[in-house]
Protein backbone atom coordinates (compact mmCIF):
# COMPACT_ATOMS: atom_id res chain seq x y z
CA MET A 1 0.00 0.00 0.00
CA THR A 2 1.36 3.38 -1.03
CA LEU A 3 0.29 6.68 0.44
CA ASN A 4 1.08 9.68 -1.71
CA ILE A 5 0.49 13.08 -0.14
CA LEU A 6 0.98 16.37 -1.91
CA PHE A 7 1.50 19.52 0.13
CA PHE A 8 1.47 22.97 -1.37
CA SER A 9 0.94 26.49 -0.20
CA ILE A 10 -0.55 29.47 -1.94
CA THR A 11 0.68 32.96 -1.25
CA ILE A 12 -1.49 35.90 -2.19
CA LYS A 13 0.00 39.37 -2.35
CA LYS A 14 -2.02 42.53 -2.63
CA ARG A 15 -1.13 44.30 -5.83
CA LYS A 16 0.05 47.86 -5.49
CA THR A 17 -1.60 50.08 -8.05
CA ASN A 18 -0.15 53.34 -9.16
CA LEU A 19 -2.17 56.45 -9.89
CA GLN A 20 -2.33 55.84 -13.65
CA ASP A 21 -3.65 52.29 -13.26
CA ALA A 22 -6.24 53.44 -10.74
CA ALA A 23 -7.43 56.23 -13.06
CA LYS A 24 -7.63 53.83 -16.01
CA HIS A 25 -9.58 51.30 -13.96
CA GLU A 26 -11.99 54.00 -12.79
CA MET A 27 -12.54 55.17 -16.39
CA VAL A 28 -13.19 51.60 -17.57
CA ASP A 29 -15.71 51.08 -14.76
CA LYS A 30 -17.47 54.33 -15.64
CA LEU A 31 -17.70 53.42 -19.33
CA TYR A 32 -18.97 49.94 -18.46
CA GLU A 33 -21.70 51.40 -16.24
CA GLU A 34 -22.75 53.87 -18.95
CA HIS A 35 -22.89 51.14 -21.58
CA ARG A 36 -24.88 48.85 -19.29
CA ASP A 37 -27.35 51.66 -18.50
CA ARG A 38 -27.75 52.36 -22.20
CA GLN A 39 -28.42 48.68 -22.91
CA MET A 40 -31.01 48.54 -20.15
CA SER A 41 -32.82 51.63 -21.41
CA ILE A 42 -32.93 50.25 -24.98
CA HIS A 43 -34.17 46.90 -23.70
CA GLN A 44 -36.93 48.55 -21.66
CA PHE A 45 -37.92 50.68 -24.67
CA MET A 46 -38.62 47.60 -26.78
């Protein structure tokens, strides 16, 4: 009888974002929200 055991660890580091990445992410979120709102209004219109 053979017992094989695998041990591993996962390390998660918080990513440091700089000001440019944060501004880009905020702009993308804003555009996504606007597009989603536009889709919802068109869908409700039909």
